[in-house]
């Protein structure tokens, strides 16, 4: 912008084409490289976004897997789906739209102020006043005014996903008990609240976009107003009037995304809080200090399973799901566990697979699960997860 303005101004008063040689080359160079660097910026930012998205989802799933199924019962299916999809997608823009713009703005602001000061020192502080107003004051106002709406947007989006998924999963029961219309009204009300929160965010964005345009043009006109007397007095070359003015105008482009970055900071913080609310949950079964089982033990395919006085009560219930269960399963034998729905068949399988920890049983002083391998590992307590094929092969529920 600055070089092209100097070229046009110089062309109007130049007496020789040779006076335009450097500026012509510079304008072509900056014009071509601007397009190239814009493309590279988009390419890198999209690559970072997709890589971050994949890593965040893999990280969240790895943290989620040890919580299944015991701890995940504390969260509704739709809520977990909203966190995995919506909240992770909100965080994917954190580095590209929240971290990168302030760094770019700082670099542009420093070099532009130095360049202006080299021609007319007073231009630097004037430029910095408008630049910092756009880069610090306006984003701070945007961050404060959008904080509540941003948090509500993330929360209401999660609530809406939860109601939708729960409604689909429980559609048969809702229809059977005549609550389908009530559920639809709840979803509609939730969607209305979500839309209102998004509308408030859009209003904040529009107001700050208008203020940003106002300050940008005021900054440009102020620099122009200060340069005119310098050109008139001969302290500043005539072609530099348009060059410095348009250079100032172009530099404000670096701080234009900062109010939006401040709003996204609120959304990213709320999305991160919701993710870490799940991630920081302690697993129901902890194998800390247990270590990895010996490779030879993992290869053993013939086991004896001994269960003595196993009792278990779900944390949210007072009636035991299992009470004083005892059996000894030898190799090459089968054991059938039968009973009506709710008798505890699935609970027993979940305990053997260490999905739940049997120590959760209440008021039961004698309970022990032990595993014996034919390799001579003995009958001592082994708290590591037992292989699934053992139960599929020898136990029939």
Protein backbone atom coordinates (compact mmCIF):
# COMPACT_ATOMS: atom_id res chain seq x y z
CA UNK A 1 0.00 0.00 0.00
CA UNK A 2 2.75 2.41 0.96
CA UNK A 3 4.93 1.67 -2.07
CA UNK A 4 2.08 1.87 -4.58
CA UNK A 5 0.96 5.21 -3.10
CA UNK A 6 4.50 6.55 -3.46
CA UNK A 7 4.64 5.27 -7.07
CA UNK A 8 1.39 6.99 -8.08
CA UNK A 9 2.35 10.25 -6.38
CA UNK A 10 5.83 10.27 -7.90
CA UNK A 11 4.49 9.47 -11.38
CA UNK A 12 2.47 12.69 -11.28
CA UNK A 13 5.54 14.90 -10.81
CA UNK A 14 8.44 12.79 -12.13
CA UNK A 15 10.43 14.14 -15.06
CA UNK A 16 12.06 10.83 -15.94
CA UNK A 17 10.83 7.24 -16.02
CA UNK A 18 14.05 6.24 -14.29
CA UNK A 19 12.70 7.87 -11.10
CA UNK A 20 10.01 5.20 -10.98
CA UNK A 21 12.19 2.12 -11.52
CA UNK A 22 12.65 1.01 -7.91
CA UNK A 23 9.06 1.76 -6.90
CA UNK A 24 7.68 -0.17 -9.91
CA UNK A 25 9.74 -3.23 -9.00
CA UNK A 26 8.80 -2.86 -5.34
CA UNK A 27 5.09 -2.58 -6.12
CA UNK A 28 5.20 -5.70 -8.28
CA UNK A 29 7.23 -7.58 -5.71
CA UNK A 30 4.96 -6.70 -2.78
CA UNK A 31 1.82 -7.24 -4.86
CA UNK A 32 2.85 -10.75 -5.91
CA UNK A 33 4.28 -11.77 -2.53
CA UNK A 34 1.16 -10.46 -0.76
CA UNK A 35 -0.97 -12.98 -2.66
CA UNK A 36 1.56 -15.76 -2.08
CA UNK A 37 1.88 -15.10 1.62
CA UNK A 38 -1.89 -14.83 2.00
CA UNK A 39 -2.22 -18.26 0.41
CA UNK A 40 0.54 -19.68 2.62
CA UNK A 41 -1.10 -18.14 5.68
CA UNK A 42 -4.39 -19.85 4.85
CA UNK A 43 -2.59 -23.11 4.09
CA UNK A 44 -0.64 -23.12 7.35
CA UNK A 45 -3.60 -21.99 9.46
CA UNK A 46 -5.86 -24.72 8.04
CA UNK A 47 -3.13 -27.33 8.51
CA UNK A 48 -2.66 -26.26 12.13
CA UNK A 49 -6.42 -26.27 12.68
CA UNK A 50 -6.95 -29.78 11.31
CA UNK A 51 -3.94 -31.18 13.15
CA UNK A 52 -5.05 -29.59 16.38
CA UNK A 53 -8.58 -30.88 15.87
CA UNK A 54 -7.38 -34.46 15.41
CA UNK A 55 -5.02 -34.28 18.39
CA UNK A 56 -7.67 -32.78 20.66
CA UNK A 57 -10.18 -35.47 19.79
CA UNK A 58 -7.66 -38.28 20.21
CA UNK A 59 -6.50 -36.77 23.51
CA UNK A 60 -10.06 -36.43 24.78
CA UNK A 61 -10.95 -39.99 23.76
CA UNK A 62 -7.85 -41.37 25.48
CA UNK A 63 -8.88 -39.57 28.65
CA UNK A 64 -12.47 -40.69 28.21
CA UNK A 65 -11.79 -44.40 27.72
CA UNK A 66 -10.66 -45.19 31.31
CA UNK A 67 -13.83 -43.54 32.63
CA UNK A 68 -16.15 -45.96 30.82
CA UNK A 69 -18.60 -47.11 31.86
CA UNK A 70 -18.69 -46.25 35.57
CA UNK A 71 -17.84 -42.54 35.56
CA UNK A 72 -19.50 -41.81 32.24
CA UNK A 73 -22.84 -42.73 33.78
CA UNK A 74 -22.61 -39.39 35.57
CA UNK A 75 -22.81 -37.61 32.19
CA UNK A 76 -25.68 -37.75 29.73
CA UNK A 77 -24.96 -39.13 26.26
CA UNK A 78 -25.96 -35.93 24.48
CA UNK A 79 -23.79 -33.85 26.80
CA UNK A 80 -20.75 -36.00 26.06
CA UNK A 81 -21.47 -35.79 22.34
CA UNK A 82 -21.65 -31.99 22.57
CA UNK A 83 -18.32 -31.87 24.39
CA UNK A 84 -16.59 -34.19 21.91
CA UNK A 85 -17.87 -32.35 18.83
CA UNK A 86 -18.85 -28.79 19.66
CA UNK A 87 -16.40 -27.94 22.44
CA UNK A 88 -13.43 -29.48 20.64
CA UNK A 89 -14.34 -27.56 17.47
CA UNK A 90 -14.41 -24.37 19.53
CA UNK A 91 -10.92 -25.05 20.86
CA UNK A 92 -9.51 -25.83 17.42
CA UNK A 93 -9.48 -22.08 16.65
CA UNK A 94 -7.65 -21.12 19.83
CA UNK A 95 -4.12 -20.93 18.44
CA UNK A 96 -5.08 -19.62 14.99
CA UNK A 97 -7.63 -17.00 16.03
CA UNK A 98 -6.70 -16.19 19.64
CA UNK A 99 -2.91 -16.60 19.92
CA UNK A 100 -1.67 -15.76 16.42
CA UNK A 101 -3.44 -12.39 15.80
CA UNK A 102 -1.95 -10.59 18.86
CA UNK A 103 1.57 -11.73 17.91
CA UNK A 104 1.10 -10.52 14.34
CA UNK A 105 -0.32 -7.20 15.54
CA UNK A 106 2.61 -6.63 17.89
CA UNK A 107 5.17 -7.15 15.10
CA UNK A 108 3.30 -4.91 12.65
CA UNK A 109 2.80 -2.17 15.26
CA UNK A 110 6.48 -2.04 16.25
CA UNK A 111 7.86 -1.83 12.71
CA UNK A 112 5.20 0.61 11.48
CA UNK A 113 5.81 3.02 14.37
CA UNK A 114 9.58 2.86 13.74
CA UNK A 115 9.07 3.57 10.04
CA UNK A 116 6.78 6.56 10.73
CA UNK A 117 9.17 7.95 13.34
CA UNK A 118 12.03 7.91 10.84
CA UNK A 119 10.18 10.52 8.73
CA UNK A 120 8.36 12.52 11.41
CA UNK A 121 8.85 11.51 15.08
CA UNK A 122 5.48 12.76 16.31
CA UNK A 123 3.69 10.32 14.00
CA UNK A 124 4.85 7.33 16.05
CA UNK A 125 3.04 8.18 19.34
CA UNK A 126 -0.06 9.32 17.44
CA UNK A 127 -0.10 6.07 15.49
CA UNK A 128 0.42 4.02 18.67
CA UNK A 129 -2.52 5.71 20.39
CA UNK A 130 -4.92 4.52 17.70
CA UNK A 131 -3.13 1.21 17.23
CA UNK A 132 -3.25 0.35 20.94
CA UNK A 133 -6.85 1.52 21.17
CA UNK A 134 -7.72 -0.94 18.42
CA UNK A 135 -5.41 -3.67 19.75
CA UNK A 136 -5.93 -3.44 23.53
CA UNK A 137 -8.78 -1.17 24.60
CA UNK A 138 -11.36 -2.37 22.07
CA UNK A 139 -10.57 -6.11 22.58
CA UNK A 140 -10.76 -5.61 26.36
CA UNK A 141 -14.21 -4.06 26.00
CA UNK A 142 -15.22 -6.87 23.65
CA UNK A 143 -13.97 -9.49 26.10
CA UNK A 144 -15.91 -7.98 29.00
CA UNK A 145 -19.15 -7.34 27.12
CA UNK A 146 -19.22 -10.77 25.44
CA UNK A 147 -18.12 -12.91 28.39
CA UNK A 148 -21.60 -13.81 29.62
CA UNK A 149 -23.02 -14.37 26.14
CA UNK A 150 -20.04 -16.51 25.07
CA UNK A 151 -20.36 -18.75 28.13
CA UNK A 152 -24.11 -19.03 27.63
CA UNK A 153 -23.63 -19.91 23.97
CA UNK A 154 -21.35 -22.85 24.82
CA UNK A 155 -23.54 -24.05 27.70
CA UNK A 156 -26.83 -23.73 25.80
CA UNK A 157 -25.36 -25.49 22.78
CA UNK A 158 -24.41 -28.41 25.01
CA UNK A 159 -27.89 -28.43 26.59
CA UNK A 160 -29.52 -28.42 23.16
CA UNK A 161 -27.43 -31.37 21.96
CA UNK A 162 -28.19 -33.21 25.17
CA UNK A 163 -31.94 -32.75 24.82
CA UNK A 164 -31.87 -33.76 21.15
CA UNK A 165 -29.86 -36.94 21.72
CA UNK A 166 -31.82 -37.92 24.83
CA UNK A 167 -35.04 -37.32 22.94
CA UNK A 168 -33.97 -39.56 20.06
CA UNK A 169 -32.74 -42.32 22.39
CA UNK A 170 -35.86 -42.19 24.54
CA UNK A 171 -38.36 -41.57 21.74
CA UNK A 172 -40.20 -44.85 22.36
CA UNK A 173 -40.71 -44.07 26.04
CA UNK A 174 -41.72 -40.46 25.33
CA UNK A 175 -44.37 -41.62 22.87
CA UNK A 176 -45.56 -44.41 25.16
CA UNK A 177 -46.05 -42.08 28.14
CA UNK A 178 -47.38 -39.14 26.10
CA UNK A 179 -44.51 -36.72 26.82
CA UNK A 180 -43.37 -36.16 23.22
CA UNK A 181 -45.00 -32.71 22.96
CA UNK A 182 -43.48 -31.64 26.24
CA UNK A 183 -40.05 -32.70 25.02
CA UNK A 184 -40.52 -30.77 21.77
CA UNK A 185 -41.45 -27.65 23.74
CA UNK A 186 -38.31 -28.01 25.88
CA UNK A 187 -36.13 -28.37 22.79
CA UNK A 188 -37.82 -25.37 21.14
CA UNK A 189 -37.31 -23.23 24.26
CA UNK A 190 -33.69 -24.34 24.50
CA UNK A 191 -33.15 -23.53 20.82
CA UNK A 192 -34.71 -20.09 21.30
CA UNK A 193 -32.38 -19.33 24.21
CA UNK A 194 -29.41 -20.53 22.18
CA UNK A 195 -30.42 -18.32 19.27
CA UNK A 196 -30.80 -15.31 21.57
CA UNK A 197 -27.32 -15.89 23.00
CA UNK A 198 -25.88 -16.07 19.48
CA UNK A 199 -27.76 -12.89 18.56
CA UNK A 200 -26.24 -11.06 21.52
CA UNK A 201 -22.80 -12.23 20.43
CA UNK A 202 -23.48 -10.99 16.90
CA UNK A 203 -24.58 -7.60 18.26
CA UNK A 204 -21.36 -7.25 20.24
CA UNK A 205 -19.38 -8.23 17.14
CA UNK A 206 -21.23 -5.67 15.01
CA UNK A 207 -20.71 -2.84 17.50
CA UNK A 208 -17.01 -3.51 17.80
CA UNK A 209 -16.66 -3.85 14.02
CA UNK A 210 -18.18 -0.38 13.68
CA UNK A 211 -15.91 1.08 16.36
CA UNK A 212 -12.91 -0.57 14.70
CA UNK A 213 -13.77 1.04 11.36
CA UNK A 214 -14.23 4.42 13.06
CA UNK A 215 -10.88 4.31 14.86
CA UNK A 216 -9.09 3.06 11.73
CA UNK A 217 -10.31 5.97 9.64
CA UNK A 218 -9.70 8.49 12.43
CA UNK A 219 -6.12 7.23 12.71
CA UNK A 220 -5.59 7.57 8.97
CA UNK A 221 -7.06 11.09 8.83
CA UNK A 222 -5.01 12.18 11.85
CA UNK A 223 -1.75 11.07 10.22
CA UNK A 224 -2.80 12.81 7.01
CA UNK A 225 -3.63 16.00 8.94
CA UNK A 226 -0.21 16.00 10.66
CA UNK A 227 1.73 15.29 7.43
CA UNK A 228 0.17 18.06 5.32
CA UNK A 229 1.99 20.95 7.15
CA UNK A 230 5.27 19.03 6.92
CA UNK A 231 4.89 18.69 3.15
CA UNK A 232 3.91 22.36 2.85
CA UNK A 233 6.99 23.43 4.85
CA UNK A 234 9.24 21.20 2.78
CA UNK A 235 10.21 18.96 5.70
CA UNK A 236 8.59 15.95 4.07
CA UNK A 237 8.70 14.93 0.40
CA UNK A 238 5.36 15.27 -1.38
CA UNK A 239 5.03 11.63 -2.45
CA UNK A 240 5.41 10.55 1.20
CA UNK A 241 2.07 12.18 2.10
CA UNK A 242 -0.02 9.46 0.47
CA UNK A 243 2.54 6.77 1.26
CA UNK A 244 2.58 7.35 5.04
CA UNK A 245 -1.19 7.81 5.15
CA UNK A 246 -2.02 4.57 3.33
CA UNK A 247 0.72 2.70 5.18
CA UNK A 248 -0.94 3.69 8.46
CA UNK A 249 -4.33 2.63 7.12
CA UNK A 250 -3.00 -0.76 5.97
CA UNK A 251 -1.23 -1.45 9.29
CA UNK A 252 -4.54 -1.26 11.18
CA UNK A 253 -5.55 -4.45 9.36
CA UNK A 254 -3.34 -6.34 11.80
CA UNK A 255 -5.45 -5.33 14.84
CA UNK A 256 -8.88 -5.72 13.22
CA UNK A 257 -9.24 -9.41 14.26
CA UNK A 258 -8.36 -8.73 17.93
CA UNK A 259 -11.90 -7.92 19.19
CA UNK A 260 -13.09 -11.19 17.66
CA UNK A 261 -10.11 -12.94 19.24
CA UNK A 262 -11.19 -11.56 22.63
CA UNK A 263 -14.69 -12.97 22.12
CA UNK A 264 -13.30 -16.34 21.05
CA UNK A 265 -11.12 -16.36 24.16
CA UNK A 266 -14.29 -16.41 26.26
CA UNK A 267 -15.77 -19.23 24.18
CA UNK A 268 -12.51 -21.21 24.22
CA UNK A 269 -12.19 -20.87 27.98
CA UNK A 270 -15.73 -22.11 28.56
CA UNK A 271 -15.25 -25.00 26.10
CA UNK A 272 -11.98 -25.97 27.81
CA UNK A 273 -13.69 -25.89 31.21
CA UNK A 274 -16.35 -28.30 29.98
CA UNK A 275 -13.74 -30.66 28.52
CA UNK A 276 -11.57 -30.68 31.63
CA UNK A 277 -14.65 -31.23 33.76
CA UNK A 278 -14.79 -34.68 32.18
CA UNK A 279 -11.04 -35.26 31.84
CA UNK A 280 -10.33 -34.43 35.49
CA UNK A 281 -12.84 -37.02 36.70
CA UNK A 282 -11.09 -39.82 38.56
CA UNK A 283 -11.68 -43.31 37.07
CA UNK A 284 -13.76 -45.70 39.12
CA UNK A 285 -10.95 -48.25 38.83
CA UNK A 286 -7.37 -47.13 39.31
CA UNK A 287 -4.38 -49.30 38.41
CA UNK A 288 -1.79 -46.82 39.69
CA UNK A 289 1.22 -48.56 41.12
CA UNK A 290 0.13 -51.85 39.58
CA UNK A 291 2.52 -51.72 36.62
CA UNK A 292 2.21 -53.56 33.35
CA UNK A 293 1.53 -57.26 33.63
CA UNK A 294 4.29 -59.59 32.65
CA UNK A 295 4.25 -60.46 28.94
CA UNK A 296 4.30 -64.17 29.70
CA UNK A 297 1.17 -63.77 31.82
CA UNK A 298 -0.58 -61.93 29.01
CA UNK A 299 0.10 -64.88 26.68
CA UNK A 300 -1.43 -67.42 29.06
CA UNK A 301 -4.71 -68.70 27.61
CA UNK A 302 -5.73 -71.19 30.35
CA UNK A 303 -6.82 -69.61 33.61
CA UNK A 304 -8.56 -70.58 36.79
CA UNK A 305 -10.89 -67.94 38.16
CA UNK A 306 -11.75 -67.91 41.86
CA UNK A 307 -14.33 -65.54 43.29
CA UNK A 308 -15.00 -65.53 47.03
CA UNK A 309 -17.84 -63.66 48.75
CA UNK A 310 -18.04 -60.99 46.07
CA UNK A 311 -20.47 -58.21 46.97
CA UNK A 312 -21.05 -54.96 45.15
CA UNK A 313 -23.38 -51.98 45.47
CA UNK A 314 -23.62 -49.22 42.89
CA UNK A 315 -22.65 -45.85 44.37
CA UNK A 316 -26.05 -44.32 43.59
CA UNK A 317 -28.03 -47.20 45.12
CA UNK A 318 -28.46 -48.75 48.55
CA UNK A 319 -29.53 -52.25 47.50
CA UNK A 320 -26.59 -54.53 46.62
CA UNK A 321 -26.46 -55.61 42.99
CA UNK A 322 -24.40 -58.66 44.01
CA UNK A 323 -24.12 -60.23 47.42
CA UNK A 324 -21.83 -63.04 48.59
CA UNK A 325 -21.18 -64.50 45.13
CA UNK A 326 -18.71 -67.38 45.19
CA UNK A 327 -17.55 -69.70 42.42
CA UNK A 328 -14.41 -71.47 41.23
CA UNK A 329 -13.99 -71.78 37.48
CA UNK A 330 -11.41 -74.33 36.40
CA UNK A 331 -9.77 -74.59 32.98
CA UNK A 332 -11.73 -76.48 30.32
CA UNK A 333 -14.95 -76.07 32.29
CA UNK A 334 -18.01 -73.89 31.77
CA UNK A 335 -20.18 -71.97 34.17
CA UNK A 336 -23.68 -70.74 33.36
CA UNK A 337 -25.00 -67.75 35.29
CA UNK A 338 -28.76 -67.41 34.88
CA UNK A 339 -31.38 -65.16 36.36
CA UNK A 340 -34.05 -62.60 35.49
CA UNK A 341 -33.32 -59.09 34.30
CA UNK A 342 -31.64 -57.13 37.08
CA UNK A 343 -30.27 -60.19 38.83
CA UNK A 344 -26.69 -58.96 38.39
CA UNK A 345 -25.42 -60.95 35.43
CA UNK A 346 -24.06 -57.90 33.57
CA UNK A 347 -22.79 -56.42 36.83
CA UNK A 348 -20.71 -59.54 37.48
CA UNK A 349 -19.22 -59.38 33.97
CA UNK A 350 -18.42 -55.69 34.44
CA UNK A 351 -16.68 -56.42 37.75
CA UNK A 352 -14.60 -59.22 36.25
CA UNK A 353 -13.58 -56.91 33.43
CA UNK A 354 -12.72 -54.21 36.00
CA UNK A 355 -15.20 -51.73 34.57
CA UNK A 356 -16.24 -51.28 38.19
CA UNK A 357 -14.11 -51.86 41.25
CA UNK A 358 -15.56 -54.40 43.63
CA UNK A 359 -14.29 -52.39 46.59
CA UNK A 360 -17.26 -50.10 46.05
CA UNK A 361 -19.40 -52.63 47.91
CA UNK A 362 -20.70 -51.28 51.23
CA UNK A 363 -20.54 -52.95 54.64
CA UNK A 364 -18.94 -56.10 53.28
CA UNK A 365 -15.73 -56.95 55.11
CA UNK A 366 -14.92 -60.13 53.17
CA UNK A 367 -14.73 -59.81 49.42
CA UNK A 368 -11.96 -60.92 47.13
CA UNK A 369 -11.39 -61.64 43.47
CA UNK A 370 -8.28 -63.61 42.60
CA UNK A 371 -6.88 -64.92 39.36
CA UNK A 372 -4.75 -68.06 39.05
CA UNK A 373 -2.76 -68.92 35.95
CA UNK A 374 -1.52 -72.37 35.06
CA UNK A 375 1.92 -70.83 34.65
CA UNK A 376 2.22 -70.89 38.44
CA UNK A 377 1.43 -67.28 39.24
CA UNK A 378 -0.37 -68.36 42.40
CA UNK A 379 -3.67 -67.20 43.89
CA UNK A 380 -2.63 -63.81 45.21
CA UNK A 381 -4.80 -60.77 44.54
CA UNK A 382 -4.37 -59.43 41.03
CA UNK A 383 -6.11 -56.09 40.45
CA UNK A 384 -5.27 -55.80 36.73
CA UNK A 385 -7.99 -56.18 34.16
CA UNK A 386 -8.66 -59.79 33.16
CA UNK A 387 -8.72 -60.71 29.46
CA UNK A 388 -12.14 -60.59 27.83
CA UNK A 389 -11.67 -63.88 25.98
CA UNK A 390 -11.58 -65.70 29.32
CA UNK A 391 -15.21 -64.93 30.05
CA UNK A 392 -16.43 -65.32 26.50
CA UNK A 393 -14.91 -68.81 26.44
CA UNK A 394 -15.80 -70.17 29.87
CA UNK A 395 -18.72 -68.15 31.28
CA UNK A 396 -22.18 -68.10 29.77
CA UNK A 397 -24.55 -65.41 31.02
